[in-house]
Amino acid sequence: MAILNSNPEILLRKRKNADRKRLEKQEQIRENQILKKSAKKRKATKFVRAETLISNHKSNELERKRIKNLTKKQKKLQEEESTDSDYKLLFVIRIPNHTKGLKIPTKAYQILQVLKLTATNTGVFIKANKETLSLLTLIAPYVLVGTPSLNSIRKLFQKRARIMTIEKNEETEEDEEKVIKLDNNQLVEDKFGDELGLLCIEDLIIEIFNKSENFLKITGWLLPFKLNAPVNGWGPQAKLQRLIKAEENKVKISLAQDFKLQEVEDMDKIIDEQN
């Protein structure tokens, strides 16, 4: 039978250490809050050159005009042409803005929000028809689009699939949202087993690849796939790699009214590089 240490001196020392650690943690939190506030103030008062402001204003104005003209053109085309009901599977990756300080127009940002692509280097699967592709042209400068293979979909699920769960906090006894990795077949069975008869992660992969009727339910449950930046590191060799890669994979950017959505020929290669 284990004997509890009842030495009052040791107990007092432990209590003092616990109080000291608690106070140190509180002090650290206060210091972090002060640092965040000071960083915000510095950012707010940061000097911006007049040339930068003018450049940003012109870029924003051109982008607004592009969205406005493109919307008009699409409405006219939709009235003249009949829509195609055939769907194709696409993987859409959010890339950084091509111009620093660029403010994304409201319509384009709303589409990115619906697709859950507000953060850079994230990707989602979509089932696209002719109407969907016309909407994607509004966000063409901010995304890469391509058709993934079954193998690439499987790799994404194995490494990057995440979901949001609700768990009860033991201390506060309140429900809290928590992001977890989807690496357990039981999670799939609990979510879709009774309703759709899906029992494992492989079932989800096949359903997405085949663009089934359950596509929207599955993709709505999944969080965007969080990808790595194409080249990591900040040393001289990594910098050289980034320059070479940027030249090889230069994305054509245009704010012209007739800029078409460019589909990546080898989406599997990009997924492998960023997975």
C-alpha atoms as a PDB file:
ATOM      1  CA  MET A   1       0.000   0.000   0.000  1.00  0.00           C
ATOM      2  CA  ALA A   2       1.410   3.400  -1.008  1.00  0.00           C
ATOM      3  CA  ILE A   3       2.034   5.857   1.824  1.00  0.00           C
ATOM      4  CA  LEU A   4       1.215   9.515   1.065  1.00  0.00           C
ATOM      5  CA  ASN A   5       3.891  12.016   1.999  1.00  0.00           C
ATOM      6  CA  SER A   6       2.397  14.002   4.837  1.00  0.00           C
ATOM      7  CA  ASN A   7       5.473  16.030   5.724  1.00  0.00           C
ATOM      8  CA  PRO A   8       4.065  19.566   6.220  1.00  0.00           C
ATOM      9  CA  GLU A   9       7.311  21.190   5.085  1.00  0.00           C
ATOM     10  CA  ILE A  10       7.239  19.384   1.720  1.00  0.00           C
ATOM     11  CA  LEU A  11       3.537  20.103   1.253  1.00  0.00           C
ATOM     12  CA  LEU A  12       4.107  23.794   1.996  1.00  0.00           C
ATOM     13  CA  ARG A  13       7.002  23.909  -0.477  1.00  0.00           C
ATOM     14  CA  LYS A  14       4.856  22.307  -3.184  1.00  0.00           C
ATOM     15  CA  ARG A  15       2.051  24.760  -2.551  1.00  0.00           C
ATOM     16  CA  LYS A  16       4.448  27.711  -2.765  1.00  0.00           C
ATOM     17  CA  ASN A  17       5.912  26.394  -6.024  1.00  0.00           C
ATOM     18  CA  ALA A  18       2.426  25.977  -7.479  1.00  0.00           C
ATOM     19  CA  ASP A  19       1.485  29.545  -6.477  1.00  0.00           C
ATOM     20  CA  ARG A  20       4.745  30.884  -7.909  1.00  0.00           C
ATOM     21  CA  LYS A  21       4.214  29.109 -11.236  1.00  0.00           C
ATOM     22  CA  ARG A  22       0.628  30.353 -11.423  1.00  0.00           C
ATOM     23  CA  LEU A  23       1.730  33.958 -10.800  1.00  0.00           C
ATOM     24  CA  GLU A  24       4.549  33.644 -13.354  1.00  0.00           C
ATOM     25  CA  LYS A  25       2.084  32.334 -15.943  1.00  0.00           C
ATOM     26  CA  GLN A  26      -0.324  35.222 -15.263  1.00  0.00           C
ATOM     27  CA  GLU A  27       2.539  37.696 -15.546  1.00  0.00           C
ATOM     28  CA  GLN A  28       3.644  36.133 -18.842  1.00  0.00           C
ATOM     29  CA  ILE A  29       0.100  36.424 -20.238  1.00  0.00           C
ATOM     30  CA  ARG A  30      -0.033  40.114 -19.206  1.00  0.00           C
ATOM     31  CA  GLU A  31       3.328  40.773 -20.882  1.00  0.00           C
ATOM     32  CA  ASN A  32       2.174  39.049 -24.082  1.00  0.00           C
ATOM     33  CA  GLN A  33      -1.001  41.158 -24.137  1.00  0.00           C
ATOM     34  CA  ILE A  34       1.056  44.354 -23.697  1.00  0.00           C
ATOM     35  CA  LEU A  35       3.413  43.277 -26.518  1.00  0.00           C
ATOM     36  CA  LYS A  36       0.457  42.557 -28.832  1.00  0.00           C
ATOM     37  CA  LYS A  37      -1.065  45.982 -28.117  1.00  0.00           C
ATOM     38  CA  SER A  38       2.241  47.752 -28.739  1.00  0.00           C
ATOM     39  CA  ALA A  39       2.740  45.783 -31.975  1.00  0.00           C
ATOM     40  CA  LYS A  40      -0.746  46.845 -33.152  1.00  0.00           C
ATOM     41  CA  LYS A  41       0.049  50.483 -32.368  1.00  0.00           C
ATOM     42  CA  ARG A  42       3.343  50.290 -34.263  1.00  0.00           C
ATOM     43  CA  LYS A  43       1.553  48.729 -37.231  1.00  0.00           C
ATOM     44  CA  ALA A  44      -1.106  51.453 -37.161  1.00  0.00           C
ATOM     45  CA  THR A  45       1.496  54.220 -37.083  1.00  0.00           C
ATOM     46  CA  LYS A  46       3.824  52.572 -39.597  1.00  0.00           C
ATOM     47  CA  PHE A  47       5.017  54.967 -42.302  1.00  0.00           C
ATOM     48  CA  VAL A  48       3.742  54.100 -45.772  1.00  0.00           C
ATOM     49  CA  ARG A  49       5.218  55.751 -48.840  1.00  0.00           C
ATOM     50  CA  ALA A  50       2.922  57.760 -51.094  1.00  0.00           C
ATOM     51  CA  GLU A  51       4.006  55.627 -54.077  1.00  0.00           C
ATOM     52  CA  THR A  52       2.840  52.471 -52.268  1.00  0.00           C
ATOM     53  CA  LEU A  53      -0.551  53.994 -51.474  1.00  0.00           C
ATOM     54  CA  ILE A  54      -1.026  55.103 -55.084  1.00  0.00           C
ATOM     55  CA  SER A  55       0.039  51.682 -56.415  1.00  0.00           C
ATOM     56  CA  ASN A  56      -2.326  49.857 -54.038  1.00  0.00           C
ATOM     57  CA  HIS A  57      -5.183  52.201 -54.933  1.00  0.00           C
ATOM     58  CA  LYS A  58      -4.658  51.633 -58.673  1.00  0.00           C
ATOM     59  CA  SER A  59      -4.477  47.842 -58.220  1.00  0.00           C
ATOM     60  CA  ASN A  60      -7.660  47.836 -56.147  1.00  0.00           C
ATOM     61  CA  GLU A  61      -9.445  50.046 -58.675  1.00  0.00           C
ATOM     62  CA  LEU A  62      -8.424  47.810 -61.585  1.00  0.00           C
ATOM     63  CA  GLU A  63      -9.558  44.699 -59.708  1.00  0.00           C
ATOM     64  CA  ARG A  64     -12.954  46.257 -58.894  1.00  0.00           C
ATOM     65  CA  LYS A  65     -13.432  47.150 -62.563  1.00  0.00           C
ATOM     66  CA  ARG A  66     -12.436  43.627 -63.627  1.00  0.00           C
ATOM     67  CA  ILE A  67     -15.018  42.057 -61.297  1.00  0.00           C
ATOM     68  CA  LYS A  68     -17.743  44.490 -62.405  1.00  0.00           C
ATOM     69  CA  ASN A  69     -17.143  43.999 -66.130  1.00  0.00           C
ATOM     70  CA  LEU A  70     -16.751  40.244 -65.812  1.00  0.00           C
ATOM     71  CA  THR A  71     -20.041  39.949 -63.892  1.00  0.00           C
ATOM     72  CA  LYS A  72     -21.865  41.848 -66.640  1.00  0.00           C
ATOM     73  CA  LYS A  73     -20.291  39.675 -69.323  1.00  0.00           C
ATOM     74  CA  GLN A  74     -21.194  36.444 -67.512  1.00  0.00           C
ATOM     75  CA  LYS A  75     -24.831  37.480 -67.086  1.00  0.00           C
ATOM     76  CA  LYS A  76     -25.057  38.211 -70.796  1.00  0.00           C
ATOM     77  CA  LEU A  77     -23.478  34.859 -71.719  1.00  0.00           C
ATOM     78  CA  GLN A  78     -25.769  32.961 -69.334  1.00  0.00           C
ATOM     79  CA  GLU A  79     -28.804  34.510 -70.988  1.00  0.00           C
ATOM     80  CA  GLU A  80     -27.587  33.500 -74.458  1.00  0.00           C
ATOM     81  CA  GLU A  81     -26.241  30.005 -73.759  1.00  0.00           C
ATOM     82  CA  SER A  82     -27.834  26.982 -72.113  1.00  0.00           C
ATOM     83  CA  THR A  83     -26.064  25.590 -69.049  1.00  0.00           C
ATOM     84  CA  ASP A  84     -24.266  22.255 -69.075  1.00  0.00           C
ATOM     85  CA  SER A  85     -25.239  19.853 -66.296  1.00  0.00           C
ATOM     86  CA  ASP A  86     -22.066  17.731 -66.464  1.00  0.00           C
ATOM     87  CA  TYR A  87     -19.813  18.094 -63.428  1.00  0.00           C
ATOM     88  CA  LYS A  88     -16.055  17.769 -63.118  1.00  0.00           C
ATOM     89  CA  LEU A  89     -13.938  17.310 -59.972  1.00  0.00           C
ATOM     90  CA  LEU A  90     -11.541  20.149 -59.202  1.00  0.00           C
ATOM     91  CA  PHE A  91      -9.082  20.863 -56.405  1.00  0.00           C
ATOM     92  CA  VAL A  92      -8.797  24.608 -55.704  1.00  0.00           C
ATOM     93  CA  ILE A  93      -5.742  26.001 -53.878  1.00  0.00           C
ATOM     94  CA  ARG A  94      -5.705  29.512 -52.418  1.00  0.00           C
ATOM     95  CA  ILE A  95      -2.468  31.330 -53.318  1.00  0.00           C
ATOM     96  CA  PRO A  96      -1.098  34.605 -51.860  1.00  0.00           C
ATOM     97  CA  ASN A  97      -2.302  37.877 -53.407  1.00  0.00           C
ATOM     98  CA  HIS A  98      -0.174  38.891 -56.380  1.00  0.00           C
ATOM     99  CA  THR A  99       0.062  42.488 -55.066  1.00  0.00           C
ATOM    100  CA  LYS A 100       0.847  43.413 -51.482  1.00  0.00           C
ATOM    101  CA  GLY A 101      -1.840  45.594 -49.947  1.00  0.00           C
ATOM    102  CA  LEU A 102      -4.428  44.480 -52.506  1.00  0.00           C
ATOM    103  CA  LYS A 103      -7.960  44.543 -51.121  1.00  0.00           C
ATOM    104  CA  ILE A 104     -10.029  41.724 -52.598  1.00  0.00           C
ATOM    105  CA  PRO A 105     -13.384  42.973 -53.960  1.00  0.00           C
ATOM    106  CA  THR A 106     -16.509  41.997 -52.034  1.00  0.00           C
ATOM    107  CA  LYS A 107     -17.903  39.567 -54.636  1.00  0.00           C
ATOM    108  CA  ALA A 108     -14.611  37.698 -55.016  1.00  0.00           C
ATOM    109  CA  TYR A 109     -14.100  37.571 -51.246  1.00  0.00           C
ATOM    110  CA  GLN A 110     -17.629  36.210 -50.730  1.00  0.00           C
ATOM    111  CA  ILE A 111     -16.880  33.355 -53.159  1.00  0.00           C
ATOM    112  CA  LEU A 112     -13.629  32.612 -51.292  1.00  0.00           C
ATOM    113  CA  GLN A 113     -15.598  32.587 -48.027  1.00  0.00           C
ATOM    114  CA  VAL A 114     -18.181  30.150 -49.423  1.00  0.00           C
ATOM    115  CA  LEU A 115     -15.341  27.880 -50.577  1.00  0.00           C
ATOM    116  CA  LYS A 116     -13.647  28.298 -47.148  1.00  0.00           C
ATOM    117  CA  LEU A 117     -10.493  29.591 -48.872  1.00  0.00           C
ATOM    118  CA  THR A 118      -9.826  32.781 -46.895  1.00  0.00           C
ATOM    119  CA  ALA A 119      -6.412  31.498 -45.707  1.00  0.00           C
ATOM    120  CA  THR A 120      -3.481  31.082 -48.130  1.00  0.00           C
ATOM    121  CA  ASN A 121      -2.050  27.622 -48.877  1.00  0.00           C
ATOM    122  CA  THR A 122      -5.361  25.877 -48.217  1.00  0.00           C
ATOM    123  CA  GLY A 123      -7.273  23.715 -50.670  1.00  0.00           C
ATOM    124  CA  VAL A 124     -10.765  22.299 -51.159  1.00  0.00           C
ATOM    125  CA  PHE A 125     -12.514  19.876 -53.508  1.00  0.00           C
ATOM    126  CA  ILE A 126     -15.376  21.222 -55.587  1.00  0.00           C
ATOM    127  CA  LYS A 127     -17.801  19.651 -58.060  1.00  0.00           C
ATOM    128  CA  ALA A 128     -17.904  22.170 -60.890  1.00  0.00           C
ATOM    129  CA  ASN A 129     -20.233  22.644 -63.826  1.00  0.00           C
ATOM    130  CA  LYS A 130     -20.333  25.447 -66.384  1.00  0.00           C
ATOM    131  CA  GLU A 131     -21.966  27.921 -63.950  1.00  0.00           C
ATOM    132  CA  THR A 132     -19.455  27.108 -61.210  1.00  0.00           C
ATOM    133  CA  LEU A 133     -16.530  27.623 -63.581  1.00  0.00           C
ATOM    134  CA  SER A 134     -17.891  31.043 -64.550  1.00  0.00           C
ATOM    135  CA  LEU A 135     -17.981  31.985 -60.842  1.00  0.00           C
ATOM    136  CA  LEU A 136     -14.412  30.738 -60.387  1.00  0.00           C
ATOM    137  CA  THR A 137     -13.231  33.238 -63.006  1.00  0.00           C
ATOM    138  CA  LEU A 138     -14.035  35.975 -60.463  1.00  0.00           C
ATOM    139  CA  ILE A 139     -11.382  34.565 -58.124  1.00  0.00           C
ATOM    140  CA  ALA A 140      -8.976  33.415 -60.858  1.00  0.00           C
ATOM    141  CA  PRO A 141      -6.044  35.634 -59.705  1.00  0.00           C
ATOM    142  CA  TYR A 142      -6.231  34.224 -56.161  1.00  0.00           C
ATOM    143  CA  VAL A 143      -6.410  30.454 -56.796  1.00  0.00           C
ATOM    144  CA  LEU A 144      -4.845  27.510 -58.628  1.00  0.00           C
ATOM    145  CA  VAL A 145      -7.327  25.045 -60.100  1.00  0.00           C
ATOM    146  CA  GLY A 146      -6.761  21.525 -61.382  1.00  0.00           C
ATOM    147  CA  THR A 147      -8.146  18.001 -61.584  1.00  0.00           C
ATOM    148  CA  PRO A 148      -6.621  15.642 -58.979  1.00  0.00           C
ATOM    149  CA  SER A 149      -6.096  11.905 -59.429  1.00  0.00           C
ATOM    150  CA  LEU A 150      -7.445   9.271 -57.026  1.00  0.00           C
ATOM    151  CA  ASN A 151      -3.914   8.777 -55.672  1.00  0.00           C
ATOM    152  CA  SER A 152      -3.551  12.501 -54.883  1.00  0.00           C
ATOM    153  CA  ILE A 153      -6.937  12.566 -53.112  1.00  0.00           C
ATOM    154  CA  ARG A 154      -5.853   9.593 -51.014  1.00  0.00           C
ATOM    155  CA  LYS A 155      -2.551  11.314 -50.101  1.00  0.00           C
ATOM    156  CA  LEU A 156      -4.382  14.480 -49.048  1.00  0.00           C
ATOM    157  CA  PHE A 157      -6.705  12.499 -46.792  1.00  0.00           C
ATOM    158  CA  GLN A 158      -3.834  10.541 -45.263  1.00  0.00           C
ATOM    159  CA  LYS A 159      -1.797  13.631 -44.375  1.00  0.00           C
ATOM    160  CA  ARG A 160      -4.072  16.676 -44.320  1.00  0.00           C
ATOM    161  CA  ALA A 161      -7.716  15.747 -43.633  1.00  0.00           C
ATOM    162  CA  ARG A 162      -9.138  17.642 -40.626  1.00  0.00           C
ATOM    163  CA  ILE A 163     -12.564  18.080 -39.066  1.00  0.00           C
ATOM    164  CA  MET A 164     -14.140  20.239 -36.370  1.00  0.00           C
ATOM    165  CA  THR A 165     -15.493  18.472 -33.285  1.00  0.00           C
ATOM    166  CA  ILE A 166     -17.350  19.732 -30.224  1.00  0.00           C
ATOM    167  CA  GLU A 167     -15.976  18.619 -26.871  1.00  0.00           C
ATOM    168  CA  LYS A 168     -17.045  19.477 -23.334  1.00  0.00           C
ATOM    169  CA  ASN A 169     -14.524  21.417 -21.241  1.00  0.00           C
ATOM    170  CA  GLU A 170     -14.143  19.650 -17.887  1.00  0.00           C
ATOM    171  CA  GLU A 171     -13.345  22.874 -16.020  1.00  0.00           C
ATOM    172  CA  THR A 172     -16.023  25.192 -17.429  1.00  0.00           C
ATOM    173  CA  GLU A 173     -18.449  22.409 -18.472  1.00  0.00           C
ATOM    174  CA  GLU A 174     -19.094  24.281 -21.730  1.00  0.00           C
ATOM    175  CA  ASP A 175     -18.949  22.926 -25.276  1.00  0.00           C
ATOM    176  CA  GLU A 176     -15.800  23.931 -27.155  1.00  0.00           C
ATOM    177  CA  GLU A 177     -14.914  23.547 -30.840  1.00  0.00           C
ATOM    178  CA  LYS A 178     -11.708  21.642 -31.489  1.00  0.00           C
ATOM    179  CA  VAL A 179      -9.885  20.853 -34.762  1.00  0.00           C
ATOM    180  CA  ILE A 180      -8.688  17.239 -34.996  1.00  0.00           C
ATOM    181  CA  LYS A 181      -7.023  15.133 -37.670  1.00  0.00           C
ATOM    182  CA  LEU A 182      -9.294  12.715 -39.522  1.00  0.00           C
ATOM    183  CA  ASP A 183      -7.281   9.516 -38.981  1.00  0.00           C
ATOM    184  CA  ASN A 184      -9.930   7.277 -37.440  1.00  0.00           C
ATOM    185  CA  ASN A 185     -12.576   5.301 -39.333  1.00  0.00           C
ATOM    186  CA  GLN A 186     -14.845   5.432 -36.290  1.00  0.00           C
ATOM    187  CA  LEU A 187     -15.292   9.196 -36.789  1.00  0.00           C
ATOM    188  CA  VAL A 188     -16.615   8.559 -40.306  1.00  0.00           C
ATOM    189  CA  GLU A 189     -18.936   5.786 -39.141  1.00  0.00           C
ATOM    190  CA  ASP A 190     -20.331   7.939 -36.312  1.00  0.00           C
ATOM    191  CA  LYS A 191     -21.004  10.806 -38.739  1.00  0.00           C
ATOM    192  CA  PHE A 192     -22.252   9.054 -41.885  1.00  0.00           C
ATOM    193  CA  GLY A 193     -22.762   5.394 -40.953  1.00  0.00           C
ATOM    194  CA  ASP A 194     -26.496   5.492 -40.266  1.00  0.00           C
ATOM    195  CA  GLU A 195     -27.439   8.183 -42.790  1.00  0.00           C
ATOM    196  CA  LEU A 196     -25.261   7.384 -45.820  1.00  0.00           C
ATOM    197  CA  GLY A 197     -23.754   3.975 -45.018  1.00  0.00           C
ATOM    198  CA  LEU A 198     -20.152   5.285 -45.146  1.00  0.00           C
ATOM    199  CA  LEU A 199     -17.926   3.417 -42.696  1.00  0.00           C
ATOM    200  CA  CYS A 200     -14.315   4.435 -43.356  1.00  0.00           C
ATOM    201  CA  ILE A 201     -12.079   7.158 -44.771  1.00  0.00           C
ATOM    202  CA  GLU A 202     -11.611   5.202 -48.008  1.00  0.00           C
ATOM    203  CA  ASP A 203     -15.384   5.459 -48.561  1.00  0.00           C
ATOM    204  CA  LEU A 204     -15.109   9.267 -48.408  1.00  0.00           C
ATOM    205  CA  ILE A 205     -12.237   9.226 -50.921  1.00  0.00           C
ATOM    206  CA  ILE A 206     -14.242   7.121 -53.410  1.00  0.00           C
ATOM    207  CA  GLU A 207     -17.358   9.281 -52.944  1.00  0.00           C
ATOM    208  CA  ILE A 208     -15.385  12.471 -53.681  1.00  0.00           C
ATOM    209  CA  PHE A 209     -13.563  10.957 -56.673  1.00  0.00           C
ATOM    210  CA  ASN A 210     -16.845   9.743 -58.170  1.00  0.00           C
ATOM    211  CA  LYS A 211     -18.593  13.099 -57.486  1.00  0.00           C
ATOM    212  CA  SER A 212     -21.468  11.289 -55.794  1.00  0.00           C
ATOM    213  CA  GLU A 213     -24.707  12.739 -54.433  1.00  0.00           C
ATOM    214  CA  ASN A 214     -23.072  12.858 -50.977  1.00  0.00           C
ATOM    215  CA  PHE A 215     -20.262  15.129 -52.231  1.00  0.00           C
ATOM    216  CA  LEU A 216     -21.514  18.342 -50.588  1.00  0.00           C
ATOM    217  CA  LYS A 217     -22.231  16.642 -47.235  1.00  0.00           C
ATOM    218  CA  ILE A 218     -18.714  15.200 -47.109  1.00  0.00           C
ATOM    219  CA  THR A 219     -16.877  18.354 -48.219  1.00  0.00           C
ATOM    220  CA  GLY A 220     -19.031  20.458 -45.873  1.00  0.00           C
ATOM    221  CA  TRP A 221     -17.912  18.289 -42.951  1.00  0.00           C
ATOM    222  CA  LEU A 222     -14.221  18.478 -43.888  1.00  0.00           C
ATOM    223  CA  LEU A 223     -12.122  21.537 -43.099  1.00  0.00           C
ATOM    224  CA  PRO A 224      -9.936  22.977 -45.903  1.00  0.00           C
ATOM    225  CA  PHE A 225      -6.755  20.962 -46.468  1.00  0.00           C
ATOM    226  CA  LYS A 226      -3.906  22.973 -44.943  1.00  0.00           C
ATOM    227  CA  LEU A 227      -0.925  22.701 -47.317  1.00  0.00           C
ATOM    228  CA  ASN A 228       2.739  23.578 -46.900  1.00  0.00           C
ATOM    229  CA  ALA A 229       4.255  26.529 -48.698  1.00  0.00           C
ATOM    230  CA  PRO A 230       5.969  25.308 -51.905  1.00  0.00           C
ATOM    231  CA  VAL A 231       9.504  25.940 -50.562  1.00  0.00           C
ATOM    232  CA  ASN A 232      10.359  26.093 -46.861  1.00  0.00           C
ATOM    233  CA  GLY A 233      13.269  27.756 -45.077  1.00  0.00           C
ATOM    234  CA  TRP A 234      14.889  31.178 -45.210  1.00  0.00           C
ATOM    235  CA  GLY A 235      18.570  30.361 -45.787  1.00  0.00           C
ATOM    236  CA  PRO A 236      20.480  31.331 -48.967  1.00  0.00           C
ATOM    237  CA  GLN A 237      19.930  27.905 -50.566  1.00  0.00           C
ATOM    238  CA  ALA A 238      16.197  28.027 -49.849  1.00  0.00           C
ATOM    239  CA  LYS A 239      16.061  31.563 -51.259  1.00  0.00           C
ATOM    240  CA  LEU A 240      17.745  30.363 -54.468  1.00  0.00           C
ATOM    241  CA  GLN A 241      15.255  27.461 -54.678  1.00  0.00           C
ATOM    242  CA  ARG A 242      12.340  29.882 -54.279  1.00  0.00           C
ATOM    243  CA  LEU A 243      13.657  32.099 -57.089  1.00  0.00           C
ATOM    244  CA  ILE A 244      14.119  29.120 -59.427  1.00  0.00           C
ATOM    245  CA  LYS A 245      10.696  27.698 -58.535  1.00  0.00           C
ATOM    246  CA  ALA A 246       9.008  31.105 -58.945  1.00  0.00           C
ATOM    247  CA  GLU A 247      10.456  31.413 -62.455  1.00  0.00           C
ATOM    248  CA  GLU A 248       9.492  27.849 -63.431  1.00  0.00           C
ATOM    249  CA  ASN A 249       5.969  28.039 -62.008  1.00  0.00           C
ATOM    250  CA  LYS A 250       5.187  31.648 -62.779  1.00  0.00           C
ATOM    251  CA  VAL A 251       1.444  32.226 -62.518  1.00  0.00           C
ATOM    252  CA  LYS A 252       0.005  34.473 -65.198  1.00  0.00           C
ATOM    253  CA  ILE A 253      -1.869  37.285 -63.480  1.00  0.00           C
ATOM    254  CA  SER A 254      -4.158  39.665 -65.270  1.00  0.00           C
ATOM    255  CA  LEU A 255      -6.845  42.047 -64.121  1.00  0.00           C
ATOM    256  CA  ALA A 256      -8.306  42.254 -67.616  1.00  0.00           C
ATOM    257  CA  GLN A 257     -12.006  41.701 -68.101  1.00  0.00           C
ATOM    258  CA  ASP A 258     -11.520  38.644 -70.318  1.00  0.00           C
ATOM    259  CA  PHE A 259      -8.936  36.888 -68.090  1.00  0.00           C
ATOM    260  CA  LYS A 260      -9.941  33.228 -68.140  1.00  0.00           C
ATOM    261  CA  LEU A 261      -9.680  30.687 -65.353  1.00  0.00           C
ATOM    262  CA  GLN A 262      -6.444  28.777 -65.958  1.00  0.00           C
ATOM    263  CA  GLU A 263      -6.501  25.124 -64.970  1.00  0.00           C
ATOM    264  CA  VAL A 264      -3.178  23.636 -63.847  1.00  0.00           C
ATOM    265  CA  GLU A 265      -2.125  20.775 -66.123  1.00  0.00           C
ATOM    266  CA  ASP A 266      -0.387  18.725 -63.408  1.00  0.00           C
ATOM    267  CA  MET A 267      -2.305  19.311 -60.164  1.00  0.00           C
ATOM    268  CA  ASP A 268      -0.899  16.052 -58.753  1.00  0.00           C
ATOM    269  CA  LYS A 269       2.629  17.460 -58.888  1.00  0.00           C
ATOM    270  CA  ILE A 270       1.588  20.612 -56.990  1.00  0.00           C
ATOM    271  CA  ILE A 271      -0.231  18.525 -54.354  1.00  0.00           C
ATOM    272  CA  ASP A 272       2.896  16.356 -53.894  1.00  0.00           C
ATOM    273  CA  GLU A 273       5.085  19.428 -53.484  1.00  0.00           C
ATOM    274  CA  GLN A 274       2.800  21.052 -50.903  1.00  0.00           C
ATOM    275  CA  ASN A 275       1.560  17.944 -49.120  1.00  0.00           C
END
